[in-house]
Structure formats: C-alpha cells, structure tokens
Amino acid sequence: MARSTDGSAADNGLHNASLAPLNGSNGPFTIVLWFKPANLTQSQKYILQEKDTAVADAQYAVIWEYVDNQIEFFSDGFTGTDPRTGSGITLADTNWHHLAYRKAASGASEWAYFLDGVKTVISASINFTLPGTLSQIVLFESFSGTTPTVGNQINAALADVAFFTVSLSDERIAALADAYAVRGLGIRPAAHWELIGRYSPELDVWGNGNLTVRGTVSVTDHPRIIYPVAQPMGRIKAAAAAGVPYQPWFLRAPVLAQ
C-alpha cells in the first residue's frame, strides 16, 4: 500500500525535522519517486520539499501544477543557474508514474529528468548549488516562511521515494520505472521511504530518518513494484557511506507489491 493525502487545508503530510539529504549539494544527486495525482485540476502544490524554516528563501522542492499539468524542480536561495528552467514534466493522466531528477556530477554537468524511465536532458552542462542551510524535509506539503507554517497540500499518492548523493545510471532509473524496487539496486540512498503505509512513523529503510505522520495521511493502492523477500545479507554489516555499493550475498525470490 502507498500513502496519499486529499489536498485539504489541514496539516496532512510526512515530516522529518532533522533530515536534509541534499543540503548544499552541487551534485551529483538523484531523486526518484512514484507519483499518482488524484486529478489534473490542482493549482500550486508541493510533492516534496527540503527546507530551512529559519531562512525564508532557502529550499528546494518538487512541485505540481504551478504550470498546468506539470511537475517542476524548484529552488529558492540556490547559487548558479536556475535548475527550474526546462524542468517541467507534463502528465496527461492520473495513473502512477515514475519520476526522477538527476544532476550527473559536481560543477558544470548534465541535468536531466526521467518520466517512466525515459530520459530528457534539461541541460547538457549546468552548474547550481542547492541552499546550504537546509535542515528538514516534508512530503505532500510545504513549510512556508521562517516558521513551520504548512501549506500547498497536494491531492496525490506517493511511493518508494529516495534521495541519492550519487548519479544513478540511465539503466538503473529505467529499471526502477520498470517496477524494480529501490532497495534492490545495491546502492545505499541518503534517505529512502517505501511508504507502505503500515507504520507510523514511516520508516526510512536505511534508518537515517523516519517520517512523522502529520494529520491525516491515508493508505492507498501501491504501484506495481517488485520487492526482494529478504534484505541482502550486506544490510547487517557496518553501514557504508551513502551511495557506496554493497555486495548483496543472496536474495530470495522477489514478490510483487500492487
């Protein structure tokens, strides 16, 4: 099962007050998630946001329908070239879609988005740095201004949200869009929530930061994702740095979550 909110004005979302996986990042990084909008008639909504509530103009976010039927990558307080330009991903329906944004390296490097595994290069060479004072993250809503005032709640469902401090290959992102689970990649995310909807708080697969359930966050049908039955034995070893591959010594037969 996935998580969803109804877009009401109530404080409905998922929040970690001390986790900022991409704080100050100049790349590489990759953000991946499954997204299902409830409708195509929303206006100015947030899918996710990393924010510093002490600094009004410090954030980055993945936003929905600031332009009709488009997802965009937005940042305020960044340095360098605006990453929002050309980042629009148009959706024509309310089905589940796999989304990814990826900056290929530090400095001037490729900036791209992926829709259902299909890559679009936003810029072949762009240099931007996300704000370096970010301190917390929310899903389904935003924190505004310099206090944790919430707003911009979205009416949508999310699943298998992950942040990497490496550039995932085109092939790995295509595999995720083709129903492969993030935890089967063999690369440790900086943060990762499957959003199965069975726990409160929502558990970070790697233990970096669970998400507090704020208000009403419902459980809904999960996208088609193939999960390993058992975690690789490498999970019980000392934790590697984020983005460092580990050796999965065995995996049992996969199961299909729907």
C-alpha atoms as a PDB file:
ATOM      1  CA  MET A   1       0.000   0.000   0.000  1.00  0.00           C
ATOM      2  CA  ALA A   2       1.130   3.574  -0.740  1.00  0.00           C
ATOM      3  CA  ARG A   3       0.496   6.843   1.111  1.00  0.00           C
ATOM      4  CA  SER A   4      -1.877   9.586  -0.068  1.00  0.00           C
ATOM      5  CA  THR A   5      -3.393  12.880   1.059  1.00  0.00           C
ATOM      6  CA  ASP A   6      -6.594  14.593  -0.029  1.00  0.00           C
ATOM      7  CA  GLY A   7      -5.186  18.102  -0.532  1.00  0.00           C
ATOM      8  CA  SER A   8      -7.263  19.614   2.255  1.00  0.00           C
ATOM      9  CA  ALA A   9      -6.126  22.695   4.146  1.00  0.00           C
ATOM     10  CA  ALA A  10      -5.392  20.560   7.229  1.00  0.00           C
ATOM     11  CA  ASP A  11      -1.795  19.759   8.151  1.00  0.00           C
ATOM     12  CA  ASN A  12      -1.621  16.455   6.287  1.00  0.00           C
ATOM     13  CA  GLY A  13       1.838  15.208   5.357  1.00  0.00           C
ATOM     14  CA  LEU A  14       5.020  13.379   6.346  1.00  0.00           C
ATOM     15  CA  HIS A  15       7.844  15.243   8.089  1.00  0.00           C
ATOM     16  CA  ASN A  16      11.340  14.814   9.454  1.00  0.00           C
ATOM     17  CA  ALA A  17      12.579  17.862  11.384  1.00  0.00           C
ATOM     18  CA  SER A  18      16.283  16.995  11.301  1.00  0.00           C
ATOM     19  CA  LEU A  19      16.990  15.344   7.934  1.00  0.00           C
ATOM     20  CA  ALA A  20      18.248  17.202   4.838  1.00  0.00           C
ATOM     21  CA  PRO A  21      19.808  14.644   2.472  1.00  0.00           C
ATOM     22  CA  LEU A  22      20.753  17.135  -0.263  1.00  0.00           C
ATOM     23  CA  ASN A  23      21.694  20.148   1.877  1.00  0.00           C
ATOM     24  CA  GLY A  24      24.206  22.294  -0.027  1.00  0.00           C
ATOM     25  CA  SER A  25      24.539  19.787  -2.863  1.00  0.00           C
ATOM     26  CA  ASN A  26      26.293  20.833  -6.054  1.00  0.00           C
ATOM     27  CA  GLY A  27      25.861  17.289  -7.357  1.00  0.00           C
ATOM     28  CA  PRO A  28      25.902  14.536  -8.042  1.00  0.00           C
ATOM     29  CA  PHE A  29      22.448  13.646  -6.764  1.00  0.00           C
ATOM     30  CA  THR A  30      19.360  11.731  -7.854  1.00  0.00           C
ATOM     31  CA  ILE A  31      15.778  11.955  -6.599  1.00  0.00           C
ATOM     32  CA  VAL A  32      13.377   9.133  -7.504  1.00  0.00           C
ATOM     33  CA  LEU A  33       9.719   8.558  -6.628  1.00  0.00           C
ATOM     34  CA  TRP A  34       6.407   7.104  -7.757  1.00  0.00           C
ATOM     35  CA  PHE A  35       3.643   9.723  -8.103  1.00  0.00           C
ATOM     36  CA  LYS A  36      -0.099   9.477  -8.778  1.00  0.00           C
ATOM     37  CA  PRO A  37      -2.145  12.700  -8.855  1.00  0.00           C
ATOM     38  CA  ALA A  38      -5.788  12.437  -7.846  1.00  0.00           C
ATOM     39  CA  ASN A  39      -6.770  14.867 -10.600  1.00  0.00           C
ATOM     40  CA  LEU A  40      -5.332  17.315 -13.132  1.00  0.00           C
ATOM     41  CA  THR A  41      -7.151  20.382 -11.817  1.00  0.00           C
ATOM     42  CA  GLN A  42      -4.946  21.301  -8.863  1.00  0.00           C
ATOM     43  CA  SER A  43      -3.010  24.525  -8.506  1.00  0.00           C
ATOM     44  CA  GLN A  44       0.366  25.317  -6.901  1.00  0.00           C
ATOM     45  CA  LYS A  45       1.008  22.160  -4.863  1.00  0.00           C
ATOM     46  CA  TYR A  46       4.134  20.620  -3.340  1.00  0.00           C
ATOM     47  CA  ILE A  47       5.098  16.970  -3.793  1.00  0.00           C
ATOM     48  CA  LEU A  48       8.139  17.251  -1.538  1.00  0.00           C
ATOM     49  CA  GLN A  49      10.301  19.973  -0.033  1.00  0.00           C
ATOM     50  CA  GLU A  50      13.636  20.274   1.767  1.00  0.00           C
ATOM     51  CA  LYS A  51      13.665  23.488   3.783  1.00  0.00           C
ATOM     52  CA  ASP A  52      15.273  25.618   6.438  1.00  0.00           C
ATOM     53  CA  THR A  53      12.449  27.237   8.378  1.00  0.00           C
ATOM     54  CA  ALA A  54      14.878  29.784   9.832  1.00  0.00           C
ATOM     55  CA  VAL A  55      15.664  31.178   6.369  1.00  0.00           C
ATOM     56  CA  ALA A  56      12.650  32.243   4.331  1.00  0.00           C
ATOM     57  CA  ASP A  57      14.235  31.796   0.902  1.00  0.00           C
ATOM     58  CA  ALA A  58      16.166  28.544   1.479  1.00  0.00           C
ATOM     59  CA  GLN A  59      14.542  25.485  -0.073  1.00  0.00           C
ATOM     60  CA  TYR A  60      14.266  23.144  -2.991  1.00  0.00           C
ATOM     61  CA  ALA A  61      11.102  21.301  -3.931  1.00  0.00           C
ATOM     62  CA  VAL A  62       9.388  19.110  -6.472  1.00  0.00           C
ATOM     63  CA  ILE A  63       6.176  20.986  -7.270  1.00  0.00           C
ATOM     64  CA  TRP A  64       2.948  20.232  -9.137  1.00  0.00           C
ATOM     65  CA  GLU A  65       0.747  22.428 -11.333  1.00  0.00           C
ATOM     66  CA  TYR A  66       2.404  25.776 -10.887  1.00  0.00           C
ATOM     67  CA  VAL A  67       2.265  25.266 -14.652  1.00  0.00           C
ATOM     68  CA  ASP A  68      -0.819  23.318 -15.781  1.00  0.00           C
ATOM     69  CA  ASN A  69      -0.301  19.533 -15.534  1.00  0.00           C
ATOM     70  CA  GLN A  70       3.436  19.899 -14.968  1.00  0.00           C
ATOM     71  CA  ILE A  71       5.851  18.711 -12.309  1.00  0.00           C
ATOM     72  CA  GLU A  72       8.890  21.001 -11.859  1.00  0.00           C
ATOM     73  CA  PHE A  73      12.068  21.162  -9.805  1.00  0.00           C
ATOM     74  CA  PHE A  74      12.117  24.454  -7.908  1.00  0.00           C
ATOM     75  CA  SER A  75      14.757  26.016  -5.695  1.00  0.00           C
ATOM     76  CA  ASP A  76      14.912  29.282  -3.782  1.00  0.00           C
ATOM     77  CA  GLY A  77      18.220  30.501  -2.383  1.00  0.00           C
ATOM     78  CA  PHE A  78      20.323  28.418  -4.787  1.00  0.00           C
ATOM     79  CA  THR A  79      23.523  29.696  -6.383  1.00  0.00           C
ATOM     80  CA  GLY A  80      24.388  29.386 -10.054  1.00  0.00           C
ATOM     81  CA  THR A  81      21.919  28.724 -12.870  1.00  0.00           C
ATOM     82  CA  ASP A  82      18.225  28.252 -12.059  1.00  0.00           C
ATOM     83  CA  PRO A  83      17.505  24.475 -12.107  1.00  0.00           C
ATOM     84  CA  ARG A  84      13.778  25.071 -12.645  1.00  0.00           C
ATOM     85  CA  THR A  85      14.193  26.271 -16.229  1.00  0.00           C
ATOM     86  CA  GLY A  86      13.211  23.436 -18.559  1.00  0.00           C
ATOM     87  CA  SER A  87      12.486  21.016 -15.702  1.00  0.00           C
ATOM     88  CA  GLY A  88       8.760  20.673 -16.449  1.00  0.00           C
ATOM     89  CA  ILE A  89       7.434  17.103 -16.732  1.00  0.00           C
ATOM     90  CA  THR A  90       3.951  17.031 -18.284  1.00  0.00           C
ATOM     91  CA  LEU A  91       1.431  14.410 -17.144  1.00  0.00           C
ATOM     92  CA  ALA A  92      -1.648  13.704 -19.230  1.00  0.00           C
ATOM     93  CA  ASP A  93      -3.448  11.307 -16.851  1.00  0.00           C
ATOM     94  CA  THR A  94      -3.873  10.303 -13.224  1.00  0.00           C
ATOM     95  CA  ASN A  95      -2.049   6.967 -13.410  1.00  0.00           C
ATOM     96  CA  TRP A  96       1.039   6.014 -11.409  1.00  0.00           C
ATOM     97  CA  HIS A  97       4.219   7.454 -12.957  1.00  0.00           C
ATOM     98  CA  HIS A  98       7.861   7.019 -12.039  1.00  0.00           C
ATOM     99  CA  LEU A  99       9.799  10.304 -11.805  1.00  0.00           C
ATOM    100  CA  ALA A 100      13.467  11.137 -11.394  1.00  0.00           C
ATOM    101  CA  TYR A 101      15.642  14.263 -11.345  1.00  0.00           C
ATOM    102  CA  ARG A 102      19.400  13.787 -11.682  1.00  0.00           C
ATOM    103  CA  LYS A 103      22.447  16.054 -11.615  1.00  0.00           C
ATOM    104  CA  ALA A 104      25.259  13.970 -13.060  1.00  0.00           C
ATOM    105  CA  ALA A 105      28.286  15.422 -11.231  1.00  0.00           C
ATOM    106  CA  SER A 106      29.604  18.372  -9.250  1.00  0.00           C
ATOM    107  CA  GLY A 107      30.304  21.611 -11.085  1.00  0.00           C
ATOM    108  CA  ALA A 108      29.050  22.057 -14.647  1.00  0.00           C
ATOM    109  CA  SER A 109      27.346  18.781 -15.552  1.00  0.00           C
ATOM    110  CA  GLU A 110      24.267  17.232 -17.123  1.00  0.00           C
ATOM    111  CA  TRP A 111      20.876  17.981 -15.557  1.00  0.00           C
ATOM    112  CA  ALA A 112      18.079  15.630 -16.601  1.00  0.00           C
ATOM    113  CA  TYR A 113      14.639  14.338 -15.713  1.00  0.00           C
ATOM    114  CA  PHE A 114      13.096  10.930 -16.328  1.00  0.00           C
ATOM    115  CA  LEU A 115       9.425  10.129 -16.855  1.00  0.00           C
ATOM    116  CA  ASP A 116       8.638   6.413 -16.648  1.00  0.00           C
ATOM    117  CA  GLY A 117      12.279   5.646 -17.381  1.00  0.00           C
ATOM    118  CA  VAL A 118      12.555   7.897 -20.453  1.00  0.00           C
ATOM    119  CA  LYS A 119      15.306  10.483 -20.151  1.00  0.00           C
ATOM    120  CA  THR A 120      15.085  14.143 -21.151  1.00  0.00           C
ATOM    121  CA  VAL A 121      18.208  16.288 -20.870  1.00  0.00           C
ATOM    122  CA  ILE A 122      17.266  19.642 -19.347  1.00  0.00           C
ATOM    123  CA  SER A 123      20.802  20.993 -19.776  1.00  0.00           C
ATOM    124  CA  ALA A 124      23.941  19.280 -21.051  1.00  0.00           C
ATOM    125  CA  SER A 125      26.036  21.466 -18.723  1.00  0.00           C
ATOM    126  CA  ILE A 126      24.594  23.365 -15.780  1.00  0.00           C
ATOM    127  CA  ASN A 127      26.158  24.481 -12.512  1.00  0.00           C
ATOM    128  CA  PHE A 128      23.937  25.139  -9.488  1.00  0.00           C
ATOM    129  CA  THR A 129      24.238  24.550  -5.769  1.00  0.00           C
ATOM    130  CA  LEU A 130      21.252  23.923  -3.526  1.00  0.00           C
ATOM    131  CA  PRO A 131      20.981  26.059  -0.371  1.00  0.00           C
ATOM    132  CA  GLY A 132      23.408  25.051   2.368  1.00  0.00           C
ATOM    133  CA  THR A 133      21.186  25.769   5.382  1.00  0.00           C
ATOM    134  CA  LEU A 134      18.530  23.118   4.755  1.00  0.00           C
ATOM    135  CA  SER A 135      17.509  21.191   7.857  1.00  0.00           C
ATOM    136  CA  GLN A 136      14.263  19.270   7.328  1.00  0.00           C
ATOM    137  CA  ILE A 137      12.100  17.545   4.762  1.00  0.00           C
ATOM    138  CA  VAL A 138       8.359  17.168   4.151  1.00  0.00           C
ATOM    139  CA  LEU A 139       6.278  15.130   1.704  1.00  0.00           C
ATOM    140  CA  PHE A 140       2.819  16.112   0.410  1.00  0.00           C
ATOM    141  CA  GLU A 141       3.099  19.735   1.630  1.00  0.00           C
ATOM    142  CA  SER A 142       5.452  22.674   2.203  1.00  0.00           C
ATOM    143  CA  PHE A 143       6.761  24.686   5.100  1.00  0.00           C
ATOM    144  CA  SER A 144       6.495  28.403   4.392  1.00  0.00           C
ATOM    145  CA  GLY A 145       8.421  31.428   5.560  1.00  0.00           C
ATOM    146  CA  THR A 146      10.606  31.318   8.642  1.00  0.00           C
ATOM    147  CA  THR A 147       8.231  29.248  10.825  1.00  0.00           C
ATOM    148  CA  PRO A 148       6.839  25.745  10.238  1.00  0.00           C
ATOM    149  CA  THR A 149       3.596  27.003   8.738  1.00  0.00           C
ATOM    150  CA  VAL A 150       2.334  24.371   6.358  1.00  0.00           C
ATOM    151  CA  GLY A 151       0.589  24.856   3.048  1.00  0.00           C
ATOM    152  CA  ASN A 152       0.315  23.802  -0.590  1.00  0.00           C
ATOM    153  CA  GLN A 153      -1.019  20.349   0.324  1.00  0.00           C
ATOM    154  CA  ILE A 154      -1.310  18.056  -2.681  1.00  0.00           C
ATOM    155  CA  ASN A 155      -4.095  15.612  -3.532  1.00  0.00           C
ATOM    156  CA  ALA A 156      -1.988  12.665  -4.651  1.00  0.00           C
ATOM    157  CA  ALA A 157      -0.274   9.409  -3.731  1.00  0.00           C
ATOM    158  CA  LEU A 158       3.458   8.718  -3.330  1.00  0.00           C
ATOM    159  CA  ALA A 159       5.547   5.557  -3.049  1.00  0.00           C
ATOM    160  CA  ASP A 160       9.208   4.451  -2.939  1.00  0.00           C
ATOM    161  CA  VAL A 161      10.708   7.940  -2.509  1.00  0.00           C
ATOM    162  CA  ALA A 162      14.517   8.008  -2.382  1.00  0.00           C
ATOM    163  CA  PHE A 163      17.373  10.538  -2.403  1.00  0.00           C
ATOM    164  CA  PHE A 164      20.851   9.554  -3.590  1.00  0.00           C
ATOM    165  CA  THR A 165      24.099  11.504  -3.328  1.00  0.00           C
ATOM    166  CA  VAL A 166      25.311   9.746  -6.476  1.00  0.00           C
ATOM    167  CA  SER A 167      24.210   9.875 -10.098  1.00  0.00           C
ATOM    168  CA  LEU A 168      22.148   6.767 -10.789  1.00  0.00           C
ATOM    169  CA  SER A 169      22.761   5.409 -14.284  1.00  0.00           C
ATOM    170  CA  ASP A 170      20.123   5.653 -17.011  1.00  0.00           C
ATOM    171  CA  GLU A 171      19.772   1.872 -16.822  1.00  0.00           C
ATOM    172  CA  ARG A 172      19.111   1.848 -13.058  1.00  0.00           C
ATOM    173  CA  ILE A 173      16.482   4.578 -13.334  1.00  0.00           C
ATOM    174  CA  ALA A 174      14.814   2.697 -16.213  1.00  0.00           C
ATOM    175  CA  ALA A 175      14.807  -0.441 -14.051  1.00  0.00           C
ATOM    176  CA  LEU A 176      13.060   1.439 -11.232  1.00  0.00           C
ATOM    177  CA  ALA A 177      10.420   2.654 -13.678  1.00  0.00           C
ATOM    178  CA  ASP A 178      10.003  -0.942 -14.830  1.00  0.00           C
ATOM    179  CA  ALA A 179       8.887  -1.938 -11.310  1.00  0.00           C
ATOM    180  CA  TYR A 180      12.285  -2.662  -9.715  1.00  0.00           C
ATOM    181  CA  ALA A 181      12.457  -1.727  -6.014  1.00  0.00           C
ATOM    182  CA  VAL A 182      14.945   0.904  -4.804  1.00  0.00           C
ATOM    183  CA  ARG A 183      16.260  -1.462  -2.114  1.00  0.00           C
ATOM    184  CA  GLY A 184      17.161  -3.982  -4.786  1.00  0.00           C
ATOM    185  CA  LEU A 185      19.581  -1.630  -6.576  1.00  0.00           C
ATOM    186  CA  GLY A 186      22.616  -2.424  -4.436  1.00  0.00           C
ATOM    187  CA  ILE A 187      23.304   1.278  -3.798  1.00  0.00           C
ATOM    188  CA  ARG A 188      22.576   2.912  -0.464  1.00  0.00           C
ATOM    189  CA  PRO A 189      20.336   6.014  -0.662  1.00  0.00           C
ATOM    190  CA  ALA A 190      20.873   9.023   1.566  1.00  0.00           C
ATOM    191  CA  ALA A 191      17.198   8.616   2.530  1.00  0.00           C
ATOM    192  CA  HIS A 192      14.526   6.185   1.375  1.00  0.00           C
ATOM    193  CA  TRP A 193      10.895   5.627   2.330  1.00  0.00           C
ATOM    194  CA  GLU A 194       8.886   2.876   0.644  1.00  0.00           C
ATOM    195  CA  LEU A 195       5.678   4.397   2.084  1.00  0.00           C
ATOM    196  CA  ILE A 196       3.979   1.048   2.520  1.00  0.00           C
ATOM    197  CA  GLY A 197       1.566   2.678   4.974  1.00  0.00           C
ATOM    198  CA  ARG A 198       1.890   0.044   7.700  1.00  0.00           C
ATOM    199  CA  TYR A 199       3.875   2.091  10.208  1.00  0.00           C
ATOM    200  CA  SER A 200       3.709   5.417  11.997  1.00  0.00           C
ATOM    201  CA  PRO A 201       6.231   6.964  11.756  1.00  0.00           C
ATOM    202  CA  GLU A 202       7.012   5.931   8.180  1.00  0.00           C
ATOM    203  CA  LEU A 203      10.300   4.052   8.337  1.00  0.00           C
ATOM    204  CA  ASP A 204      13.440   5.067   6.494  1.00  0.00           C
ATOM    205  CA  VAL A 205      14.719   1.800   5.012  1.00  0.00           C
ATOM    206  CA  TRP A 206      18.317   2.717   5.960  1.00  0.00           C
ATOM    207  CA  GLY A 207      17.468   4.239   9.318  1.00  0.00           C
ATOM    208  CA  ASN A 208      18.613   7.784   8.539  1.00  0.00           C
ATOM    209  CA  GLY A 209      15.335   9.491   9.323  1.00  0.00           C
ATOM    210  CA  ASN A 210      11.795   8.259   9.844  1.00  0.00           C
ATOM    211  CA  LEU A 211       8.874  10.472   8.795  1.00  0.00           C
ATOM    212  CA  THR A 212       6.337  11.686  11.342  1.00  0.00           C
ATOM    213  CA  VAL A 213       2.751  11.342  10.114  1.00  0.00           C
ATOM    214  CA  ARG A 214       1.084  14.760  10.411  1.00  0.00           C
ATOM    215  CA  GLY A 215      -2.692  14.950  10.328  1.00  0.00           C
ATOM    216  CA  THR A 216      -4.466  12.506   8.021  1.00  0.00           C
ATOM    217  CA  VAL A 217      -2.248  10.616   5.589  1.00  0.00           C
ATOM    218  CA  SER A 218      -4.213   7.769   4.061  1.00  0.00           C
ATOM    219  CA  VAL A 219      -3.263   4.350   2.732  1.00  0.00           C
ATOM    220  CA  THR A 220      -3.987   3.602  -0.916  1.00  0.00           C
ATOM    221  CA  ASP A 221      -3.117   1.059  -3.626  1.00  0.00           C
ATOM    222  CA  HIS A 222       0.622   0.718  -4.251  1.00  0.00           C
ATOM    223  CA  PRO A 223       2.177   0.938  -7.712  1.00  0.00           C
ATOM    224  CA  ARG A 224       3.452  -2.275  -9.261  1.00  0.00           C
ATOM    225  CA  ILE A 225       6.881  -2.750  -7.630  1.00  0.00           C
ATOM    226  CA  ILE A 226       8.904  -5.966  -7.306  1.00  0.00           C
ATOM    227  CA  TYR A 227      10.436  -6.194  -3.818  1.00  0.00           C
ATOM    228  CA  PRO A 228      13.020  -8.743  -2.652  1.00  0.00           C
ATOM    229  CA  VAL A 229      11.530 -11.024   0.010  1.00  0.00           C
ATOM    230  CA  ALA A 230      14.626 -10.704   2.206  1.00  0.00           C
ATOM    231  CA  GLN A 231      17.110  -7.900   2.560  1.00  0.00           C
ATOM    232  CA  PRO A 232      20.632  -8.677   1.288  1.00  0.00           C
ATOM    233  CA  MET A 233      22.946 -10.018   3.985  1.00  0.00           C
ATOM    234  CA  GLY A 234      25.055  -6.879   3.435  1.00  0.00           C
ATOM    235  CA  ARG A 235      22.457  -4.974   5.472  1.00  0.00           C
ATOM    236  CA  ILE A 236      23.825  -6.439   8.709  1.00  0.00           C
ATOM    237  CA  LYS A 237      27.358  -5.210   8.043  1.00  0.00           C
ATOM    238  CA  ALA A 238      28.619  -1.861   9.289  1.00  0.00           C
ATOM    239  CA  ALA A 239      26.819   0.895   7.388  1.00  0.00           C
ATOM    240  CA  ALA A 240      28.616   2.145   4.289  1.00  0.00           C
ATOM    241  CA  ALA A 241      28.596   5.772   3.246  1.00  0.00           C
ATOM    242  CA  ALA A 242      25.559   6.922   1.284  1.00  0.00           C
ATOM    243  CA  GLY A 243      25.857   5.985  -2.372  1.00  0.00           C
ATOM    244  CA  VAL A 244      28.507   3.300  -1.820  1.00  0.00           C
ATOM    245  CA  PRO A 245      27.624  -0.053  -3.419  1.00  0.00           C
ATOM    246  CA  TYR A 246      27.500  -3.070  -1.136  1.00  0.00           C
ATOM    247  CA  GLN A 247      27.717  -6.764  -2.056  1.00  0.00           C
ATOM    248  CA  PRO A 248      24.302  -8.497  -1.812  1.00  0.00           C
ATOM    249  CA  TRP A 249      25.390 -12.037  -0.944  1.00  0.00           C
ATOM    250  CA  PHE A 250      21.969 -13.556  -1.604  1.00  0.00           C
ATOM    251  CA  LEU A 251      18.399 -12.621  -2.450  1.00  0.00           C
ATOM    252  CA  ARG A 252      15.365 -14.836  -2.194  1.00  0.00           C
ATOM    253  CA  ALA A 253      12.669 -14.874  -4.855  1.00  0.00           C
ATOM    254  CA  PRO A 254      11.048 -11.468  -5.402  1.00  0.00           C
ATOM    255  CA  VAL A 255       7.473 -10.607  -4.567  1.00  0.00           C
ATOM    256  CA  LEU A 256       5.181  -8.242  -6.440  1.00  0.00           C
ATOM    257  CA  ALA A 257       3.542  -5.422  -4.478  1.00  0.00           C
ATOM    258  CA  GLN A 258       0.426  -3.896  -6.004  1.00  0.00           C
END
